[in-house]
Amino acid sequence: MNKRTLSDREIEKLLFGKWRYNTDKEKVFLKFYDDMTYEQTRIQTFFLSKPKEFLTGNKFTGVWHVNDRKLSLILKTLPSSIFNLKISELFKLTIADMIVSLNSLLFIENYQITKINNSEFIMMDNNEPIVIAKVNS
């Protein structure tokens, strides 16, 4: 599909579903839901990154949207973090999720989508292209 003819809404529709990509240090699985939430699993493959995975966990959830061909991921929770201890039974908010909520106000992951179709899309991260493939389920 020609990237100039797709609107942001059409790109959002193409993103619904499961996606996967690999980097030098991790394997990433993304699932975009039609209620504009996402679930991300990051599995560290680089030995020195394993402590980070131990602290934050490997699952992340949040909200997403597309604006001007930019995919924005706003992190909301760390459901598998070791810091996800409940403060008390009265409060449902956990320590890790409180930190993430404050952090998400300052840091939003933005990626420029350069190409997208039904089976893959390419986004730019720090001027490096990342090819992401659709996972059939």
N, C-alpha and C. Protein backbone atom coordinates (compact mmCIF):
# COMPACT_ATOMS: atom_id res chain seq x y z
N MET A 1 0.83 -1.18 0.00
CA MET A 1 0.00 0.00 0.00
C MET A 1 0.87 1.24 0.00
N ASN A 2 0.43 2.22 -0.69
CA ASN A 2 1.16 3.47 -0.75
C ASN A 2 1.03 4.20 0.58
N LYS A 3 2.16 4.53 1.20
CA LYS A 3 2.11 5.13 2.53
C LYS A 3 1.46 6.51 2.53
N ARG A 4 1.44 7.21 1.42
CA ARG A 4 0.86 8.54 1.37
C ARG A 4 -0.67 8.52 1.33
N THR A 5 -1.26 7.39 0.97
CA THR A 5 -2.71 7.33 0.85
C THR A 5 -3.38 6.84 2.12
N LEU A 6 -2.64 6.35 3.09
CA LEU A 6 -3.25 5.83 4.31
C LEU A 6 -3.41 6.92 5.36
N SER A 7 -4.59 6.99 5.93
CA SER A 7 -4.82 7.94 7.02
C SER A 7 -4.35 7.30 8.33
N ASP A 8 -4.26 8.10 9.39
CA ASP A 8 -3.87 7.58 10.70
C ASP A 8 -4.85 6.50 11.16
N ARG A 9 -6.12 6.71 10.90
CA ARG A 9 -7.15 5.74 11.30
C ARG A 9 -6.97 4.41 10.55
N GLU A 10 -6.62 4.47 9.27
CA GLU A 10 -6.37 3.25 8.50
C GLU A 10 -5.14 2.52 9.01
N ILE A 11 -4.12 3.26 9.41
CA ILE A 11 -2.92 2.65 9.99
C ILE A 11 -3.28 1.97 11.30
N GLU A 12 -4.08 2.62 12.13
CA GLU A 12 -4.51 2.01 13.39
C GLU A 12 -5.23 0.69 13.14
N LYS A 13 -6.10 0.64 12.15
CA LYS A 13 -6.82 -0.60 11.83
C LYS A 13 -5.86 -1.70 11.41
N LEU A 14 -4.82 -1.35 10.66
CA LEU A 14 -3.84 -2.35 10.23
C LEU A 14 -3.01 -2.86 11.41
N LEU A 15 -2.84 -2.06 12.44
CA LEU A 15 -2.02 -2.45 13.59
C LEU A 15 -2.71 -3.43 14.54
N PHE A 16 -4.05 -3.51 14.51
CA PHE A 16 -4.73 -4.43 15.42
C PHE A 16 -4.19 -5.83 15.25
N GLY A 17 -3.88 -6.49 16.35
CA GLY A 17 -3.39 -7.86 16.31
C GLY A 17 -2.02 -8.01 16.93
N LYS A 18 -1.41 -9.16 16.66
CA LYS A 18 -0.12 -9.52 17.26
C LYS A 18 1.03 -9.26 16.28
N TRP A 19 2.13 -8.73 16.83
CA TRP A 19 3.31 -8.40 16.04
C TRP A 19 4.55 -8.86 16.79
N ARG A 20 5.65 -9.04 16.05
CA ARG A 20 6.90 -9.50 16.66
C ARG A 20 8.09 -8.90 15.93
N TYR A 21 9.15 -8.56 16.71
CA TYR A 21 10.42 -8.17 16.11
C TYR A 21 11.55 -8.48 17.07
N ASN A 22 12.75 -8.58 16.52
CA ASN A 22 13.95 -8.86 17.30
C ASN A 22 14.95 -7.72 17.14
N THR A 23 15.67 -7.43 18.21
CA THR A 23 16.81 -6.52 18.16
C THR A 23 18.03 -7.31 18.59
N ASP A 24 19.17 -6.65 18.65
CA ASP A 24 20.39 -7.33 19.09
C ASP A 24 20.30 -7.80 20.54
N LYS A 25 19.46 -7.15 21.35
CA LYS A 25 19.43 -7.43 22.78
C LYS A 25 18.13 -8.04 23.29
N GLU A 26 17.09 -8.07 22.45
CA GLU A 26 15.82 -8.58 22.96
C GLU A 26 14.89 -9.03 21.84
N LYS A 27 13.91 -9.84 22.25
CA LYS A 27 12.81 -10.24 21.38
C LYS A 27 11.57 -9.54 21.92
N VAL A 28 10.80 -8.91 21.03
CA VAL A 28 9.66 -8.11 21.45
C VAL A 28 8.39 -8.62 20.77
N PHE A 29 7.35 -8.83 21.59
CA PHE A 29 6.03 -9.21 21.09
C PHE A 29 5.07 -8.10 21.49
N LEU A 30 4.30 -7.61 20.53
CA LEU A 30 3.31 -6.55 20.76
C LEU A 30 1.93 -7.05 20.35
N LYS A 31 0.93 -6.71 21.14
CA LYS A 31 -0.45 -7.00 20.74
C LYS A 31 -1.24 -5.71 20.91
N PHE A 32 -1.77 -5.22 19.78
CA PHE A 32 -2.57 -4.01 19.77
C PHE A 32 -4.05 -4.39 19.77
N TYR A 33 -4.78 -3.86 20.73
CA TYR A 33 -6.21 -4.13 20.85
C TYR A 33 -7.01 -2.98 20.26
N ASP A 34 -8.25 -3.27 19.87
CA ASP A 34 -9.09 -2.24 19.25
C ASP A 34 -9.65 -1.23 20.25
N ASP A 35 -9.44 -1.45 21.55
CA ASP A 35 -9.81 -0.43 22.54
C ASP A 35 -8.65 0.53 22.82
N MET A 36 -7.65 0.50 21.93
CA MET A 36 -6.47 1.38 21.96
C MET A 36 -5.57 1.09 23.16
N THR A 37 -5.55 -0.14 23.64
CA THR A 37 -4.59 -0.58 24.64
C THR A 37 -3.63 -1.55 23.95
N TYR A 38 -2.49 -1.77 24.58
CA TYR A 38 -1.54 -2.73 24.03
C TYR A 38 -0.91 -3.53 25.15
N GLU A 39 -0.38 -4.67 24.78
CA GLU A 39 0.37 -5.52 25.69
C GLU A 39 1.70 -5.83 25.01
N GLN A 40 2.78 -5.67 25.75
CA GLN A 40 4.11 -5.88 25.18
C GLN A 40 4.88 -6.85 26.07
N THR A 41 5.56 -7.80 25.45
CA THR A 41 6.44 -8.72 26.15
C THR A 41 7.83 -8.56 25.57
N ARG A 42 8.80 -8.28 26.45
CA ARG A 42 10.19 -8.12 26.03
C ARG A 42 11.04 -9.19 26.70
N ILE A 43 11.67 -10.04 25.90
CA ILE A 43 12.54 -11.09 26.42
C ILE A 43 13.97 -10.70 26.10
N GLN A 44 14.74 -10.47 27.14
CA GLN A 44 16.13 -10.04 26.99
C GLN A 44 16.98 -11.22 26.53
N THR A 45 17.74 -11.02 25.46
CA THR A 45 18.64 -12.06 24.97
C THR A 45 20.11 -11.71 25.25
N PHE A 46 20.37 -10.47 25.63
CA PHE A 46 21.71 -10.03 25.97
C PHE A 46 21.91 -10.25 27.46
N PHE A 47 22.95 -10.97 27.83
CA PHE A 47 23.18 -11.39 29.22
C PHE A 47 23.18 -10.21 30.20
N LEU A 48 23.79 -9.10 29.85
CA LEU A 48 23.87 -7.98 30.78
C LEU A 48 22.55 -7.23 30.95
N SER A 49 21.57 -7.51 30.11
CA SER A 49 20.25 -6.88 30.23
C SER A 49 19.30 -7.70 31.09
N LYS A 50 19.68 -8.90 31.46
CA LYS A 50 18.81 -9.76 32.26
C LYS A 50 18.44 -9.14 33.62
N PRO A 51 19.37 -8.44 34.32
CA PRO A 51 18.96 -7.82 35.60
C PRO A 51 17.82 -6.81 35.43
N LYS A 52 17.81 -6.08 34.34
CA LYS A 52 16.71 -5.14 34.06
C LYS A 52 15.39 -5.89 33.93
N GLU A 53 15.41 -7.00 33.24
CA GLU A 53 14.21 -7.81 33.08
C GLU A 53 13.75 -8.36 34.42
N PHE A 54 14.69 -8.71 35.27
CA PHE A 54 14.35 -9.22 36.60
C PHE A 54 13.62 -8.16 37.43
N LEU A 55 14.06 -6.90 37.34
CA LEU A 55 13.46 -5.83 38.12
C LEU A 55 12.11 -5.36 37.57
N THR A 56 12.05 -5.12 36.27
CA THR A 56 10.83 -4.56 35.69
C THR A 56 9.85 -5.63 35.23
N GLY A 57 10.33 -6.84 35.07
CA GLY A 57 9.51 -7.89 34.48
C GLY A 57 9.64 -7.84 32.97
N ASN A 58 8.90 -8.68 32.30
CA ASN A 58 8.98 -8.69 30.85
C ASN A 58 7.66 -8.35 30.18
N LYS A 59 6.63 -8.09 30.96
CA LYS A 59 5.33 -7.72 30.40
C LYS A 59 5.03 -6.26 30.75
N PHE A 60 4.46 -5.56 29.77
CA PHE A 60 4.11 -4.16 29.93
C PHE A 60 2.76 -3.94 29.26
N THR A 61 1.95 -3.06 29.82
CA THR A 61 0.68 -2.72 29.19
C THR A 61 0.52 -1.20 29.17
N GLY A 62 -0.27 -0.74 28.24
CA GLY A 62 -0.48 0.70 28.14
C GLY A 62 -1.51 1.03 27.09
N VAL A 63 -1.50 2.29 26.68
CA VAL A 63 -2.40 2.77 25.63
C VAL A 63 -1.57 3.22 24.44
N TRP A 64 -2.18 3.24 23.27
CA TRP A 64 -1.46 3.61 22.06
C TRP A 64 -2.36 4.41 21.14
N HIS A 65 -1.74 5.15 20.24
CA HIS A 65 -2.46 5.87 19.19
C HIS A 65 -1.49 6.22 18.07
N VAL A 66 -2.04 6.59 16.92
CA VAL A 66 -1.24 7.01 15.77
C VAL A 66 -1.65 8.44 15.43
N ASN A 67 -0.65 9.31 15.28
CA ASN A 67 -0.89 10.70 14.91
C ASN A 67 0.22 11.13 13.96
N ASP A 68 -0.13 11.59 12.78
CA ASP A 68 0.86 11.98 11.76
C ASP A 68 1.85 10.87 11.47
N ARG A 69 1.34 9.64 11.33
CA ARG A 69 2.15 8.46 11.02
C ARG A 69 3.14 8.12 12.11
N LYS A 70 2.93 8.64 13.33
CA LYS A 70 3.78 8.31 14.48
C LYS A 70 3.00 7.45 15.44
N LEU A 71 3.56 6.28 15.74
CA LEU A 71 2.98 5.37 16.71
C LEU A 71 3.46 5.79 18.10
N SER A 72 2.53 6.09 18.99
CA SER A 72 2.87 6.48 20.35
C SER A 72 2.42 5.39 21.31
N LEU A 73 3.37 4.91 22.13
CA LEU A 73 3.08 3.91 23.14
C LEU A 73 3.24 4.57 24.51
N ILE A 74 2.17 4.57 25.30
CA ILE A 74 2.19 5.18 26.61
C ILE A 74 2.05 4.07 27.64
N LEU A 75 3.12 3.80 28.35
CA LEU A 75 3.17 2.72 29.33
C LEU A 75 2.31 3.04 30.53
N LYS A 76 1.52 2.08 31.00
CA LYS A 76 0.64 2.28 32.16
C LYS A 76 0.92 1.32 33.31
N THR A 77 1.24 0.06 33.01
CA THR A 77 1.47 -0.90 34.09
C THR A 77 2.61 -1.85 33.77
N LEU A 78 3.19 -2.40 34.83
CA LEU A 78 4.21 -3.45 34.74
C LEU A 78 3.69 -4.66 35.48
N PRO A 79 2.81 -5.45 34.88
CA PRO A 79 2.16 -6.52 35.64
C PRO A 79 3.09 -7.61 36.15
N SER A 80 4.28 -7.77 35.57
CA SER A 80 5.15 -8.86 36.04
C SER A 80 6.39 -8.35 36.78
N SER A 81 6.38 -7.10 37.25
CA SER A 81 7.51 -6.55 37.99
C SER A 81 7.55 -7.09 39.41
N ILE A 82 8.76 -7.26 39.95
CA ILE A 82 8.87 -7.71 41.34
C ILE A 82 8.44 -6.60 42.30
N PHE A 83 8.36 -5.36 41.83
CA PHE A 83 7.91 -4.24 42.65
C PHE A 83 6.39 -4.08 42.61
N ASN A 84 5.70 -5.02 42.01
CA ASN A 84 4.25 -4.94 41.91
C ASN A 84 3.60 -5.53 43.16
N LEU A 85 4.03 -5.06 44.30
CA LEU A 85 3.45 -5.47 45.57
C LEU A 85 2.33 -4.49 45.90
N LYS A 86 1.22 -4.99 46.38
CA LYS A 86 0.13 -4.09 46.74
C LYS A 86 0.50 -3.34 48.01
N ILE A 87 0.22 -2.04 48.01
CA ILE A 87 0.52 -1.21 49.18
C ILE A 87 -0.32 -1.67 50.36
N SER A 88 -1.57 -1.88 50.15
CA SER A 88 -2.47 -2.46 51.15
C SER A 88 -3.70 -2.97 50.43
N GLU A 89 -4.54 -3.65 51.14
CA GLU A 89 -5.76 -4.18 50.53
C GLU A 89 -6.73 -3.07 50.16
N LEU A 90 -6.58 -1.90 50.77
CA LEU A 90 -7.46 -0.78 50.46
C LEU A 90 -7.13 -0.13 49.13
N PHE A 91 -5.86 -0.20 48.74
CA PHE A 91 -5.42 0.45 47.51
C PHE A 91 -5.11 -0.61 46.46
N LYS A 92 -5.68 -0.47 45.31
CA LYS A 92 -5.43 -1.41 44.20
C LYS A 92 -4.14 -1.07 43.46
N LEU A 93 -3.66 0.18 43.57
CA LEU A 93 -2.47 0.63 42.86
C LEU A 93 -1.23 0.02 43.49
N THR A 94 -0.30 -0.43 42.68
CA THR A 94 0.92 -1.04 43.20
C THR A 94 2.09 -0.08 43.04
N ILE A 95 3.18 -0.37 43.73
CA ILE A 95 4.35 0.51 43.72
C ILE A 95 4.90 0.68 42.31
N ALA A 96 5.09 -0.42 41.59
CA ALA A 96 5.64 -0.34 40.23
C ALA A 96 4.73 0.46 39.32
N ASP A 97 3.42 0.24 39.44
CA ASP A 97 2.49 0.96 38.57
C ASP A 97 2.44 2.45 38.89
N MET A 98 2.65 2.82 40.16
CA MET A 98 2.71 4.24 40.52
C MET A 98 3.91 4.90 39.85
N ILE A 99 5.05 4.24 39.89
CA ILE A 99 6.27 4.78 39.27
C ILE A 99 6.08 4.90 37.76
N VAL A 100 5.50 3.89 37.14
CA VAL A 100 5.27 3.91 35.70
C VAL A 100 4.30 5.02 35.32
N SER A 101 3.25 5.21 36.11
CA SER A 101 2.28 6.26 35.82
C SER A 101 2.92 7.64 35.83
N LEU A 102 3.77 7.89 36.79
CA LEU A 102 4.49 9.17 36.85
C LEU A 102 5.46 9.30 35.68
N ASN A 103 6.15 8.23 35.37
CA ASN A 103 7.13 8.23 34.29
C ASN A 103 6.45 8.41 32.93
N SER A 104 5.25 7.86 32.76
CA SER A 104 4.57 7.94 31.46
C SER A 104 4.13 9.37 31.13
N LEU A 105 4.05 10.22 32.13
CA LEU A 105 3.75 11.63 31.86
C LEU A 105 4.91 12.33 31.17
N LEU A 106 6.13 11.85 31.44
CA LEU A 106 7.33 12.48 30.90
C LEU A 106 7.87 11.79 29.65
N PHE A 107 7.75 10.47 29.59
CA PHE A 107 8.36 9.71 28.50
C PHE A 107 7.32 8.89 27.76
N ILE A 108 7.11 9.24 26.50
CA ILE A 108 6.22 8.50 25.62
C ILE A 108 7.07 7.97 24.48
N GLU A 109 6.95 6.67 24.21
CA GLU A 109 7.70 6.09 23.10
C GLU A 109 7.01 6.49 21.79
N ASN A 110 7.74 7.15 20.91
CA ASN A 110 7.22 7.56 19.60
C ASN A 110 8.06 6.93 18.50
N TYR A 111 7.38 6.33 17.54
CA TYR A 111 8.05 5.69 16.42
C TYR A 111 7.40 6.15 15.13
N GLN A 112 8.19 6.55 14.16
CA GLN A 112 7.70 6.95 12.84
C GLN A 112 7.44 5.70 12.02
N ILE A 113 6.22 5.53 11.53
CA ILE A 113 5.88 4.40 10.67
C ILE A 113 6.19 4.79 9.24
N THR A 114 7.11 4.06 8.62
CA THR A 114 7.51 4.39 7.26
C THR A 114 6.82 3.52 6.21
N LYS A 115 6.40 2.31 6.61
CA LYS A 115 5.70 1.41 5.68
C LYS A 115 4.81 0.50 6.52
N ILE A 116 3.64 0.19 5.98
CA ILE A 116 2.75 -0.74 6.68
C ILE A 116 1.86 -1.44 5.67
N ASN A 117 1.63 -2.73 5.93
CA ASN A 117 0.64 -3.50 5.17
C ASN A 117 0.09 -4.57 6.09
N ASN A 118 -0.62 -5.56 5.57
CA ASN A 118 -1.27 -6.57 6.40
C ASN A 118 -0.30 -7.54 7.08
N SER A 119 0.93 -7.63 6.61
CA SER A 119 1.85 -8.63 7.15
C SER A 119 3.08 -8.07 7.84
N GLU A 120 3.41 -6.80 7.60
CA GLU A 120 4.57 -6.22 8.27
C GLU A 120 4.47 -4.69 8.26
N PHE A 121 5.23 -4.09 9.19
CA PHE A 121 5.39 -2.65 9.11
C PHE A 121 6.80 -2.30 9.53
N ILE A 122 7.25 -1.16 9.08
CA ILE A 122 8.60 -0.68 9.38
C ILE A 122 8.46 0.62 10.14
N MET A 123 9.14 0.68 11.29
CA MET A 123 9.13 1.91 12.07
C MET A 123 10.57 2.32 12.33
N MET A 124 10.77 3.59 12.55
CA MET A 124 12.10 4.12 12.81
C MET A 124 12.28 4.34 14.31
N ASP A 125 13.41 3.85 14.84
CA ASP A 125 13.78 4.07 16.24
C ASP A 125 15.21 4.57 16.25
N ASN A 126 15.41 5.82 16.64
CA ASN A 126 16.74 6.44 16.63
C ASN A 126 17.40 6.32 15.26
N ASN A 127 16.64 6.63 14.22
CA ASN A 127 17.09 6.59 12.83
C ASN A 127 17.49 5.20 12.36
N GLU A 128 17.08 4.17 13.08
CA GLU A 128 17.32 2.79 12.68
C GLU A 128 15.98 2.14 12.35
N PRO A 129 15.85 1.55 11.16
CA PRO A 129 14.58 0.91 10.83
C PRO A 129 14.41 -0.42 11.57
N ILE A 130 13.19 -0.66 12.03
CA ILE A 130 12.85 -1.93 12.67
C ILE A 130 11.72 -2.55 11.86
N VAL A 131 11.94 -3.75 11.37
CA VAL A 131 10.93 -4.47 10.61
C VAL A 131 10.16 -5.35 11.57
N ILE A 132 8.84 -5.17 11.58
CA ILE A 132 7.97 -5.88 12.52
C ILE A 132 7.01 -6.74 11.72
N ALA A 133 6.97 -8.02 12.06
CA ALA A 133 6.15 -8.97 11.30
C ALA A 133 4.88 -9.31 12.05
N LYS A 134 3.79 -9.50 11.32
CA LYS A 134 2.51 -9.90 11.89
C LYS A 134 2.59 -11.37 12.29
N VAL A 135 2.06 -11.69 13.45
CA VAL A 135 2.02 -13.07 13.94
C VAL A 135 0.60 -13.57 13.73
N ASN A 136 0.47 -14.63 12.97
CA ASN A 136 -0.86 -15.21 12.73
C ASN A 136 -1.23 -16.09 13.90
N SER A 137 -2.45 -15.90 14.38
CA SER A 137 -2.90 -16.76 15.50
C SER A 137 -4.25 -17.36 15.23
